[in-house]
């Protein structure tokens, strides 16, 4: 995988490399969705801080991980439909 910090790469290649970092998510069925949702609240907070600080690459990667986790991966977790917690509502409003 290309390194996003390699300045010899084109901007498009660097963004693709960052996107791949953000998509590298696996779900462990033994971890409850509740824990993922609680972590998601923290991920969103950290990404916002990175964005405010101007650290756009880290913000991009975290937001990408957030989207991948909560849109693509977590809805396939075996316990997802039974999970009703306040953090889930927060995440669904943010995402």
N, C-alpha and C. Protein backbone atom coordinates (compact mmCIF):
# COMPACT_ATOMS: atom_id res chain seq x y z
N UNK A 1 0.84 -1.17 0.00
CA UNK A 1 0.00 0.00 0.00
C UNK A 1 0.89 1.24 0.00
N UNK A 2 0.58 2.22 -0.85
CA UNK A 2 1.37 3.45 -0.89
C UNK A 2 1.26 4.22 0.43
N UNK A 3 2.30 4.95 0.74
CA UNK A 3 2.33 5.75 1.96
C UNK A 3 1.78 7.14 1.65
N UNK A 4 0.76 7.56 2.40
CA UNK A 4 0.12 8.86 2.14
C UNK A 4 1.06 10.03 2.40
N UNK A 5 2.18 9.79 3.08
CA UNK A 5 3.13 10.88 3.35
C UNK A 5 4.18 11.02 2.25
N UNK A 6 4.15 10.12 1.29
CA UNK A 6 5.11 10.14 0.18
C UNK A 6 4.75 11.27 -0.78
N UNK A 7 5.53 12.35 -0.76
CA UNK A 7 5.22 13.53 -1.58
C UNK A 7 5.43 13.29 -3.07
N UNK A 8 6.06 12.17 -3.42
CA UNK A 8 6.22 11.88 -4.85
C UNK A 8 4.92 11.33 -5.46
N UNK A 9 3.98 10.94 -4.62
CA UNK A 9 2.68 10.46 -5.11
C UNK A 9 1.81 11.64 -5.52
N UNK A 10 0.92 11.39 -6.44
CA UNK A 10 -0.03 12.44 -6.83
C UNK A 10 -1.03 12.64 -5.69
N UNK A 11 -1.69 13.79 -5.64
CA UNK A 11 -2.69 14.02 -4.60
C UNK A 11 -3.77 12.92 -4.58
N UNK A 12 -4.17 12.47 -5.76
CA UNK A 12 -5.19 11.43 -5.84
C UNK A 12 -4.71 10.14 -5.18
N UNK A 13 -3.44 9.78 -5.42
CA UNK A 13 -2.88 8.57 -4.82
C UNK A 13 -2.77 8.70 -3.31
N UNK A 14 -2.42 9.88 -2.84
CA UNK A 14 -2.31 10.10 -1.40
C UNK A 14 -3.67 10.00 -0.73
N UNK A 15 -4.71 10.55 -1.36
CA UNK A 15 -6.07 10.46 -0.80
C UNK A 15 -6.53 9.00 -0.80
N UNK A 16 -6.22 8.27 -1.88
CA UNK A 16 -6.58 6.84 -1.93
C UNK A 16 -5.90 6.08 -0.79
N UNK A 17 -4.64 6.39 -0.53
CA UNK A 17 -3.91 5.72 0.56
C UNK A 17 -4.55 6.05 1.91
N UNK A 18 -4.95 7.30 2.11
CA UNK A 18 -5.63 7.68 3.35
C UNK A 18 -6.97 6.97 3.47
N UNK A 19 -7.68 6.86 2.36
CA UNK A 19 -8.98 6.18 2.37
C UNK A 19 -8.83 4.71 2.76
N UNK A 20 -7.78 4.08 2.26
CA UNK A 20 -7.55 2.67 2.61
C UNK A 20 -7.28 2.52 4.10
N UNK A 21 -6.56 3.47 4.68
CA UNK A 21 -6.33 3.43 6.12
C UNK A 21 -7.65 3.51 6.87
N UNK A 22 -8.54 4.37 6.40
CA UNK A 22 -9.82 4.56 7.07
C UNK A 22 -10.78 3.41 6.89
N UNK A 23 -10.61 2.62 5.85
CA UNK A 23 -11.52 1.50 5.58
C UNK A 23 -11.07 0.21 6.25
N UNK A 24 -9.91 0.23 6.85
CA UNK A 24 -9.35 -0.98 7.45
C UNK A 24 -10.00 -1.24 8.81
N UNK A 25 -11.22 -1.79 8.78
CA UNK A 25 -12.00 -2.03 9.99
C UNK A 25 -12.52 -3.47 9.96
N UNK A 26 -12.38 -4.16 11.08
CA UNK A 26 -13.01 -5.47 11.22
C UNK A 26 -13.83 -5.47 12.50
N UNK A 27 -14.95 -6.16 12.45
CA UNK A 27 -15.85 -6.25 13.60
C UNK A 27 -15.63 -7.59 14.28
N UNK A 28 -15.53 -7.56 15.60
CA UNK A 28 -15.43 -8.77 16.40
C UNK A 28 -16.82 -9.04 16.97
N UNK A 29 -17.42 -10.15 16.59
CA UNK A 29 -18.78 -10.49 17.04
C UNK A 29 -18.86 -10.68 18.56
N UNK A 30 -17.72 -10.92 19.21
CA UNK A 30 -17.72 -11.09 20.67
C UNK A 30 -17.76 -9.76 21.42
N UNK A 31 -17.53 -8.67 20.71
CA UNK A 31 -17.63 -7.34 21.31
C UNK A 31 -19.03 -6.81 21.01
N UNK A 32 -19.71 -6.37 22.05
CA UNK A 32 -21.10 -5.93 21.88
C UNK A 32 -21.16 -4.63 21.08
N UNK A 33 -22.26 -4.44 20.33
CA UNK A 33 -22.43 -3.17 19.61
C UNK A 33 -22.37 -1.97 20.55
N UNK A 34 -22.83 -2.16 21.78
CA UNK A 34 -22.78 -1.07 22.77
C UNK A 34 -21.37 -0.50 22.88
N UNK A 35 -20.36 -1.34 22.94
CA UNK A 35 -18.98 -0.86 23.05
C UNK A 35 -18.55 -0.12 21.79
N UNK A 36 -18.98 -0.62 20.63
CA UNK A 36 -18.65 0.08 19.38
C UNK A 36 -19.30 1.46 19.35
N UNK A 37 -20.56 1.55 19.79
CA UNK A 37 -21.23 2.84 19.80
C UNK A 37 -20.56 3.82 20.76
N UNK A 38 -20.17 3.34 21.91
CA UNK A 38 -19.47 4.22 22.86
C UNK A 38 -18.13 4.68 22.29
N UNK A 39 -17.43 3.78 21.62
CA UNK A 39 -16.17 4.16 20.98
C UNK A 39 -16.42 5.15 19.84
N UNK A 40 -17.54 4.99 19.16
CA UNK A 40 -17.88 5.90 18.05
C UNK A 40 -18.05 7.33 18.50
N UNK A 41 -18.65 7.52 19.67
CA UNK A 41 -18.81 8.87 20.21
C UNK A 41 -17.44 9.50 20.40
N UNK A 42 -16.51 8.72 20.93
CA UNK A 42 -15.14 9.22 21.15
C UNK A 42 -14.42 9.44 19.82
N UNK A 43 -14.63 8.56 18.84
CA UNK A 43 -14.01 8.73 17.52
C UNK A 43 -14.44 10.05 16.89
N UNK A 44 -15.73 10.33 16.97
CA UNK A 44 -16.26 11.57 16.38
C UNK A 44 -15.68 12.78 17.09
N UNK A 45 -15.55 12.69 18.42
CA UNK A 45 -14.98 13.80 19.19
C UNK A 45 -13.52 14.03 18.80
N UNK A 46 -12.76 12.94 18.69
CA UNK A 46 -11.35 13.06 18.32
C UNK A 46 -11.19 13.62 16.91
N UNK A 47 -12.02 13.16 15.99
CA UNK A 47 -11.95 13.66 14.61
C UNK A 47 -12.25 15.15 14.57
N UNK A 48 -13.22 15.59 15.38
CA UNK A 48 -13.55 17.02 15.43
C UNK A 48 -12.37 17.84 15.95
N UNK A 49 -11.68 17.30 16.96
CA UNK A 49 -10.51 17.99 17.50
C UNK A 49 -9.42 18.08 16.43
N UNK A 50 -9.16 16.98 15.74
CA UNK A 50 -8.17 17.00 14.66
C UNK A 50 -8.54 18.05 13.62
N UNK A 51 -9.80 18.11 13.27
CA UNK A 51 -10.26 19.08 12.27
C UNK A 51 -10.04 20.51 12.75
N UNK A 52 -10.40 20.79 14.00
CA UNK A 52 -10.20 22.12 14.57
C UNK A 52 -8.73 22.51 14.61
N UNK A 53 -7.86 21.53 14.86
CA UNK A 53 -6.41 21.78 14.92
C UNK A 53 -5.78 21.88 13.54
N UNK A 54 -6.54 21.60 12.50
CA UNK A 54 -6.00 21.65 11.16
C UNK A 54 -5.28 20.39 10.74
N UNK A 55 -5.41 19.34 11.53
CA UNK A 55 -4.79 18.06 11.21
C UNK A 55 -5.76 17.28 10.32
N UNK A 56 -5.82 17.69 9.07
CA UNK A 56 -6.84 17.20 8.14
C UNK A 56 -6.68 15.72 7.80
N UNK A 57 -5.45 15.24 7.71
CA UNK A 57 -5.26 13.83 7.36
C UNK A 57 -5.79 12.92 8.45
N UNK A 58 -5.46 13.20 9.71
CA UNK A 58 -5.97 12.36 10.80
C UNK A 58 -7.49 12.49 10.94
N UNK A 59 -8.02 13.69 10.75
CA UNK A 59 -9.47 13.88 10.79
C UNK A 59 -10.13 13.06 9.69
N UNK A 60 -9.58 13.11 8.49
CA UNK A 60 -10.13 12.36 7.35
C UNK A 60 -10.15 10.86 7.64
N UNK A 61 -9.04 10.34 8.16
CA UNK A 61 -8.94 8.91 8.44
C UNK A 61 -9.97 8.51 9.51
N UNK A 62 -10.08 9.29 10.57
CA UNK A 62 -11.03 8.94 11.63
C UNK A 62 -12.47 9.04 11.16
N UNK A 63 -12.81 10.08 10.41
CA UNK A 63 -14.17 10.18 9.88
C UNK A 63 -14.45 9.02 8.92
N UNK A 64 -13.46 8.64 8.14
CA UNK A 64 -13.63 7.52 7.23
C UNK A 64 -13.84 6.21 8.00
N UNK A 65 -13.07 6.00 9.06
CA UNK A 65 -13.25 4.82 9.91
C UNK A 65 -14.65 4.83 10.53
N UNK A 66 -15.07 5.99 10.99
CA UNK A 66 -16.38 6.16 11.60
C UNK A 66 -17.48 5.73 10.63
N UNK A 67 -17.41 6.25 9.41
CA UNK A 67 -18.42 5.93 8.40
C UNK A 67 -18.38 4.45 8.05
N UNK A 68 -17.19 3.92 7.86
CA UNK A 68 -17.06 2.50 7.52
C UNK A 68 -17.64 1.62 8.63
N UNK A 69 -17.32 1.96 9.87
CA UNK A 69 -17.79 1.17 11.00
C UNK A 69 -19.31 1.21 11.13
N UNK A 70 -19.88 2.41 11.11
CA UNK A 70 -21.30 2.54 11.43
C UNK A 70 -22.25 2.43 10.25
N UNK A 71 -21.76 2.56 9.04
CA UNK A 71 -22.62 2.42 7.87
C UNK A 71 -22.46 1.04 7.23
N UNK A 72 -21.22 0.58 7.13
CA UNK A 72 -20.97 -0.67 6.40
C UNK A 72 -20.83 -1.90 7.29
N UNK A 73 -20.13 -1.78 8.40
CA UNK A 73 -19.75 -2.98 9.16
C UNK A 73 -20.70 -3.32 10.31
N UNK A 74 -20.94 -2.39 11.21
CA UNK A 74 -21.68 -2.70 12.43
C UNK A 74 -23.12 -3.16 12.19
N UNK A 75 -23.84 -2.64 11.20
CA UNK A 75 -25.20 -3.16 10.97
C UNK A 75 -25.24 -4.66 10.68
N UNK A 76 -24.13 -5.26 10.32
CA UNK A 76 -24.08 -6.71 10.08
C UNK A 76 -23.75 -7.52 11.33
N UNK A 77 -23.48 -6.84 12.45
CA UNK A 77 -23.19 -7.53 13.71
C UNK A 77 -24.44 -8.29 14.16
N UNK A 78 -24.24 -9.48 14.68
CA UNK A 78 -25.38 -10.34 15.04
C UNK A 78 -26.30 -9.71 16.09
N UNK A 79 -25.78 -8.83 16.95
CA UNK A 79 -26.58 -8.23 18.02
C UNK A 79 -27.00 -6.80 17.73
N UNK A 80 -26.76 -6.33 16.53
CA UNK A 80 -27.01 -4.92 16.20
C UNK A 80 -28.47 -4.52 16.41
N UNK A 81 -29.41 -5.33 15.95
CA UNK A 81 -30.83 -4.97 16.03
C UNK A 81 -31.34 -4.92 17.46
N UNK A 82 -30.73 -5.67 18.36
CA UNK A 82 -31.17 -5.70 19.76
C UNK A 82 -30.55 -4.59 20.60
N UNK A 83 -29.65 -3.86 20.04
CA UNK A 83 -28.93 -2.83 20.79
C UNK A 83 -29.70 -1.52 20.78
N UNK A 84 -30.21 -1.13 21.94
CA UNK A 84 -30.92 0.15 22.08
C UNK A 84 -30.29 0.92 23.23
N UNK A 85 -29.39 1.81 22.91
CA UNK A 85 -28.72 2.61 23.92
C UNK A 85 -28.65 4.05 23.44
N UNK A 86 -28.50 5.01 24.35
CA UNK A 86 -28.44 6.43 23.93
C UNK A 86 -27.34 6.71 22.91
N UNK A 87 -26.19 6.04 23.05
CA UNK A 87 -25.08 6.28 22.12
C UNK A 87 -25.46 5.93 20.69
N UNK A 88 -26.32 4.93 20.53
CA UNK A 88 -26.74 4.54 19.18
C UNK A 88 -27.49 5.69 18.52
N UNK A 89 -28.37 6.34 19.28
CA UNK A 89 -29.11 7.47 18.73
C UNK A 89 -28.18 8.63 18.39
N UNK A 90 -27.18 8.87 19.23
CA UNK A 90 -26.20 9.94 18.96
C UNK A 90 -25.45 9.64 17.67
N UNK A 91 -24.99 8.41 17.52
CA UNK A 91 -24.23 8.02 16.32
C UNK A 91 -25.10 8.12 15.08
N UNK A 92 -26.33 7.65 15.15
CA UNK A 92 -27.20 7.68 13.98
C UNK A 92 -27.52 9.10 13.56
N UNK A 93 -27.55 10.03 14.51
CA UNK A 93 -27.77 11.44 14.18
C UNK A 93 -26.53 12.06 13.55
N UNK A 94 -25.35 11.68 14.04
CA UNK A 94 -24.09 12.23 13.53
C UNK A 94 -23.82 11.67 12.15
N UNK A 95 -23.90 10.35 12.02
CA UNK A 95 -23.56 9.66 10.78
C UNK A 95 -24.51 9.94 9.73
